């Protein structure tokens, strides 16, 4: 489910779980293990995270497995996605670049935002569809308003509308845009530039940058994990996940 290579001092980590790179506990464990491996390897100076699935970066949580999970398992996977992955990424002494070559949804947005830079295909799309399936994009309530502003964040998070790479860049979510067939090369080009810097200064600089820009993320992540875990126990969450599995519109209950 993860492909790992080292190319010219850059660790390349590609999500490879067809058809949409659905997020599972096993995927997150493997992703974090590879990040730790790259972080500890003195021959690696930068990291690129991308996808081996054409037209997809990550479609979010594997909802079939998520629906079948126990409350404890839900808490475990959301804690890994929201908290542990960010803690690992922010503590890495090396820059991490996301190469977005296709659709990014839900939890895929969570993986992307843990990276230091995002290079996106000019035809890729983004979205927060959690409310459509009975969930909440709770971690994004914390960070997104700080990036794009309160009202634009509310629009994206509560309508669940799909938006493209150009809008994502204008909002400050994407660093660079390139044609799809050039995204991975562009990400490696940027990684090469960063890899050419002093490793010690990169380590110190990234640590300082993460400290200054944390903006209470750790505290927010803890409350976001608890919120998703609480939502999982609601009737509307059960209905949303069932509707998704049965490919029908959800029949929401009344408050």
Protein backbone atom coordinates (compact mmCIF):
# COMPACT_ATOMS: atom_id res chain seq x y z
CA UNK A 1 0.00 0.00 0.00
CA UNK A 2 3.09 2.26 0.09
CA UNK A 3 5.91 2.42 -2.45
CA UNK A 4 9.22 3.72 -1.13
CA UNK A 5 12.30 4.73 -3.12
CA UNK A 6 15.29 7.01 -2.65
CA UNK A 7 16.19 9.09 -5.69
CA UNK A 8 19.18 11.46 -5.56
CA UNK A 9 18.88 12.00 -1.83
CA UNK A 10 15.09 12.43 -1.93
CA UNK A 11 12.83 9.81 -0.33
CA UNK A 12 9.77 9.21 -2.51
CA UNK A 13 6.72 7.82 -0.70
CA UNK A 14 3.79 6.90 -2.96
CA UNK A 15 0.39 5.87 -1.61
CA UNK A 16 -0.67 2.72 -3.46
CA UNK A 17 -4.00 1.37 -2.23
CA UNK A 18 -6.39 1.15 -5.20
CA UNK A 19 -8.86 2.37 -6.12
CA UNK A 20 -8.69 5.70 -4.22
CA UNK A 21 -5.96 5.27 -1.56
CA UNK A 22 -8.57 4.90 1.17
CA UNK A 23 -7.05 5.55 4.58
CA UNK A 24 -6.83 2.65 7.03
CA UNK A 25 -4.91 2.05 10.22
CA UNK A 26 -2.48 -0.14 8.27
CA UNK A 27 -1.85 2.57 5.68
CA UNK A 28 -1.16 5.21 8.33
CA UNK A 29 1.15 2.86 10.21
CA UNK A 30 3.11 2.14 7.03
CA UNK A 31 3.20 5.80 5.99
CA UNK A 32 4.51 6.87 9.38
CA UNK A 33 7.06 4.05 9.43
CA UNK A 34 8.42 5.19 6.06
CA UNK A 35 8.54 8.81 7.23
CA UNK A 36 10.52 7.76 10.29
CA UNK A 37 12.85 5.72 8.08
CA UNK A 38 13.44 8.68 5.77
CA UNK A 39 13.91 11.01 8.73
CA UNK A 40 16.58 8.77 10.25
CA UNK A 41 18.43 8.10 6.99
CA UNK A 42 21.45 10.45 6.70
CA UNK A 43 21.40 9.93 2.93
CA UNK A 44 17.92 11.45 2.66
CA UNK A 45 17.75 15.25 2.61
CA UNK A 46 14.10 15.79 1.59
CA UNK A 47 10.87 13.79 1.22
CA UNK A 48 8.14 13.70 -1.43
CA UNK A 49 4.71 12.17 -0.73
CA UNK A 50 2.60 11.34 -3.79
CA UNK A 51 0.30 8.70 -5.24
CA UNK A 52 0.81 5.72 -7.49
CA UNK A 53 -2.90 5.77 -8.44
CA UNK A 54 -3.61 7.82 -11.61
CA UNK A 55 -6.08 10.63 -10.98
CA UNK A 56 -6.13 10.19 -7.21
CA UNK A 57 -4.06 11.47 -4.34
CA UNK A 58 -6.25 10.22 -1.50
CA UNK A 59 -10.02 9.84 -1.25
CA UNK A 60 -10.06 10.02 2.56
CA UNK A 61 -10.97 7.35 5.06
CA UNK A 62 -11.83 3.88 3.81
CA UNK A 63 -15.48 4.29 4.81
CA UNK A 64 -16.34 0.59 4.52
CA UNK A 65 -13.72 -0.33 7.10
CA UNK A 66 -14.46 2.80 9.13
CA UNK A 67 -18.16 1.87 9.32
CA UNK A 68 -17.25 -1.58 10.62
CA UNK A 69 -14.90 -0.19 13.29
CA UNK A 70 -15.46 -0.15 17.02
CA UNK A 71 -15.46 3.21 18.86
CA UNK A 72 -11.95 2.41 20.12
CA UNK A 73 -10.74 1.70 16.57
CA UNK A 74 -12.32 4.93 15.32
CA UNK A 75 -10.50 6.89 18.00
CA UNK A 76 -7.25 5.13 17.10
CA UNK A 77 -7.33 5.89 13.37
CA UNK A 78 -8.51 9.49 13.80
CA UNK A 79 -5.82 10.08 16.44
CA UNK A 80 -3.19 8.79 14.01
CA UNK A 81 -4.52 10.91 11.14
CA UNK A 82 -5.08 14.14 13.06
CA UNK A 83 -2.43 14.03 15.76
CA UNK A 84 0.32 11.43 15.37
CA UNK A 85 0.98 12.12 11.69
CA UNK A 86 1.26 15.86 12.32
CA UNK A 87 3.53 15.30 15.32
CA UNK A 88 5.80 13.09 13.23
CA UNK A 89 5.88 15.42 10.23
CA UNK A 90 6.45 18.56 12.27
CA UNK A 91 9.31 16.88 14.11
CA UNK A 92 11.11 15.65 11.00
CA UNK A 93 14.36 17.55 10.43
CA UNK A 94 13.79 17.41 6.66
CA UNK A 95 11.29 19.17 4.38
CA UNK A 96 8.30 17.20 3.10
CA UNK A 97 6.58 18.05 -0.20
CA UNK A 98 3.19 16.70 -1.28
CA UNK A 99 2.82 15.92 -4.99
CA UNK A 100 -0.92 16.13 -5.67
CA UNK A 101 -1.69 14.46 -8.99
CA UNK A 102 -5.42 13.88 -8.58
CA UNK A 103 -8.49 14.19 -6.38
CA UNK A 104 -8.01 14.95 -2.68
CA UNK A 105 -10.93 14.50 -0.30
CA UNK A 106 -11.57 14.42 3.43
CA UNK A 107 -8.77 12.66 5.26
CA UNK A 108 -6.61 13.05 2.16
CA UNK A 109 -6.65 16.77 2.91
CA UNK A 110 -5.37 15.94 6.39
CA UNK A 111 -2.41 14.03 4.93
CA UNK A 112 -1.66 16.82 2.45
CA UNK A 113 -1.67 19.64 5.01
CA UNK A 114 0.86 17.90 7.22
CA UNK A 115 3.40 18.46 4.43
CA UNK A 116 5.55 21.60 4.26
CA UNK A 117 4.74 22.39 0.63
CA UNK A 118 2.06 21.24 -1.82
CA UNK A 119 2.63 20.93 -5.57
CA UNK A 120 -0.69 20.30 -7.32
CA UNK A 121 -1.73 19.27 -10.81
CA UNK A 122 -3.57 22.03 -12.62
CA UNK A 123 -6.59 19.72 -13.06
CA UNK A 124 -6.71 18.19 -9.58
CA UNK A 125 -9.60 18.85 -7.20
CA UNK A 126 -10.04 19.30 -3.47
CA UNK A 127 -12.98 18.95 -1.13
CA UNK A 128 -14.28 18.34 2.38
CA UNK A 129 -17.28 15.98 1.87
CA UNK A 130 -17.47 14.67 5.44
CA UNK A 131 -20.93 16.07 6.23
CA UNK A 132 -22.34 14.18 3.24
CA UNK A 133 -21.46 10.86 4.89
CA UNK A 134 -22.35 11.69 8.48
CA UNK A 135 -18.92 12.85 9.66
CA UNK A 136 -17.26 16.17 10.45
CA UNK A 137 -13.97 17.58 9.07
CA UNK A 138 -13.18 18.68 12.59
CA UNK A 139 -9.41 19.11 12.35
CA UNK A 140 -9.91 21.52 9.46
CA UNK A 141 -12.10 23.73 11.67
CA UNK A 142 -8.88 24.51 13.48
CA UNK A 143 -6.41 25.24 10.73
CA UNK A 144 -8.41 26.25 7.65
CA UNK A 145 -9.83 29.58 8.95
CA UNK A 146 -6.27 30.64 9.81
CA UNK A 147 -5.20 30.06 6.20
CA UNK A 148 -8.18 31.22 4.13
CA UNK A 149 -10.26 33.28 6.57
CA UNK A 150 -13.35 32.43 8.60
CA UNK A 151 -16.04 32.93 5.97
CA UNK A 152 -14.27 31.18 3.10
CA UNK A 153 -13.40 28.30 5.42
CA UNK A 154 -17.05 27.97 6.45
CA UNK A 155 -18.03 27.85 2.77
CA UNK A 156 -15.60 25.03 1.96
CA UNK A 157 -16.20 22.99 5.12
CA UNK A 158 -19.98 23.19 5.33
CA UNK A 159 -21.02 23.10 1.66
CA UNK A 160 -18.53 20.35 0.84
CA UNK A 161 -18.16 21.80 -2.65
CA UNK A 162 -15.33 20.64 -4.87
CA UNK A 163 -12.75 23.27 -5.83
CA UNK A 164 -9.80 23.23 -8.18
CA UNK A 165 -6.07 23.78 -7.97
CA UNK A 166 -6.21 27.42 -9.07
CA UNK A 167 -8.64 28.34 -6.28
CA UNK A 168 -6.61 26.28 -3.81
CA UNK A 169 -3.50 28.26 -4.70
CA UNK A 170 -5.34 31.58 -4.45
CA UNK A 171 -6.57 30.55 -1.00
CA UNK A 172 -3.03 29.71 0.13
CA UNK A 173 -3.51 25.93 0.34
CA UNK A 174 -1.21 25.09 -2.58
CA UNK A 175 2.39 26.22 -3.10
CA UNK A 176 2.88 25.49 -6.82
CA UNK A 177 0.78 24.30 -9.79
CA UNK A 178 2.04 22.21 -12.71
CA UNK A 179 0.59 20.03 -15.47
CA UNK A 180 -0.34 16.62 -14.08
CA UNK A 181 2.43 14.77 -15.90
CA UNK A 182 5.00 17.19 -14.47
CA UNK A 183 3.87 17.35 -10.84
CA UNK A 184 6.09 14.61 -9.46
CA UNK A 185 9.09 16.00 -11.35
CA UNK A 186 8.34 19.51 -10.04
CA UNK A 187 8.08 18.18 -6.49
CA UNK A 188 11.44 16.45 -6.88
CA UNK A 189 12.92 19.62 -8.34
CA UNK A 190 11.82 21.58 -5.27
CA UNK A 191 13.02 18.79 -3.01
CA UNK A 192 16.41 18.99 -4.74
CA UNK A 193 16.62 22.72 -4.07
CA UNK A 194 15.83 22.19 -0.39
CA UNK A 195 18.16 19.19 -0.18
CA UNK A 196 20.98 21.47 -1.29
CA UNK A 197 20.68 23.55 1.87
CA UNK A 198 22.63 22.91 5.05
CA UNK A 199 21.01 19.90 6.81
CA UNK A 200 21.74 21.42 10.21
CA UNK A 201 20.23 24.78 9.29
CA UNK A 202 17.24 23.03 7.72
CA UNK A 203 16.71 21.10 10.95
CA UNK A 204 16.95 24.18 13.13
CA UNK A 205 14.95 26.34 10.74
CA UNK A 206 12.11 23.87 10.34
CA UNK A 207 11.87 23.35 14.10
CA UNK A 208 11.64 27.09 14.65
CA UNK A 209 9.12 27.50 11.82
CA UNK A 210 6.87 24.75 13.18
CA UNK A 211 7.01 26.21 16.67
CA UNK A 212 5.99 29.66 15.45
CA UNK A 213 3.24 28.42 13.11
CA UNK A 214 1.75 25.70 15.35
CA UNK A 215 -1.03 28.08 16.45
CA UNK A 216 -2.32 25.62 19.04
CA UNK A 217 -2.65 22.78 16.51
CA UNK A 218 -1.80 20.11 19.06
CA UNK A 219 -4.54 21.21 21.43
CA UNK A 220 -6.97 21.56 18.53
CA UNK A 221 -6.09 18.11 17.23
CA UNK A 222 -6.91 16.50 20.55
CA UNK A 223 -10.38 18.08 20.64
CA UNK A 224 -10.92 17.22 16.95
CA UNK A 225 -10.21 13.54 17.62
CA UNK A 226 -12.72 13.54 20.47
CA UNK A 227 -15.34 15.27 18.31
CA UNK A 228 -15.10 12.73 15.48
CA UNK A 229 -15.22 9.89 18.00
CA UNK A 230 -18.39 11.38 19.51
CA UNK A 231 -19.98 11.90 16.09
CA UNK A 232 -19.33 8.24 15.22
CA UNK A 233 -21.84 7.23 17.89
CA UNK A 234 -24.71 9.28 16.45
CA UNK A 235 -27.65 8.02 14.42
CA UNK A 236 -26.88 10.47 11.59
CA UNK A 237 -23.35 9.14 11.28
CA UNK A 238 -24.70 5.59 10.99
CA UNK A 239 -27.22 6.77 8.38
CA UNK A 240 -24.62 8.72 6.39
CA UNK A 241 -22.21 5.80 6.24
CA UNK A 242 -25.02 3.38 5.35
CA UNK A 243 -26.25 5.68 2.57
CA UNK A 244 -22.74 5.92 1.18
CA UNK A 245 -22.35 2.15 1.18
CA UNK A 246 -25.75 1.69 -0.48
CA UNK A 247 -25.15 4.51 -2.99
CA UNK A 248 -28.31 6.43 -2.05
CA UNK A 249 -29.08 9.86 -0.61
CA UNK A 250 -29.01 9.92 3.21
CA UNK A 251 -32.26 10.27 5.12
CA UNK A 252 -31.23 12.57 7.93
CA UNK A 253 -33.16 12.52 11.20
CA UNK A 254 -34.63 15.62 12.78
CA UNK A 255 -32.71 17.37 15.57
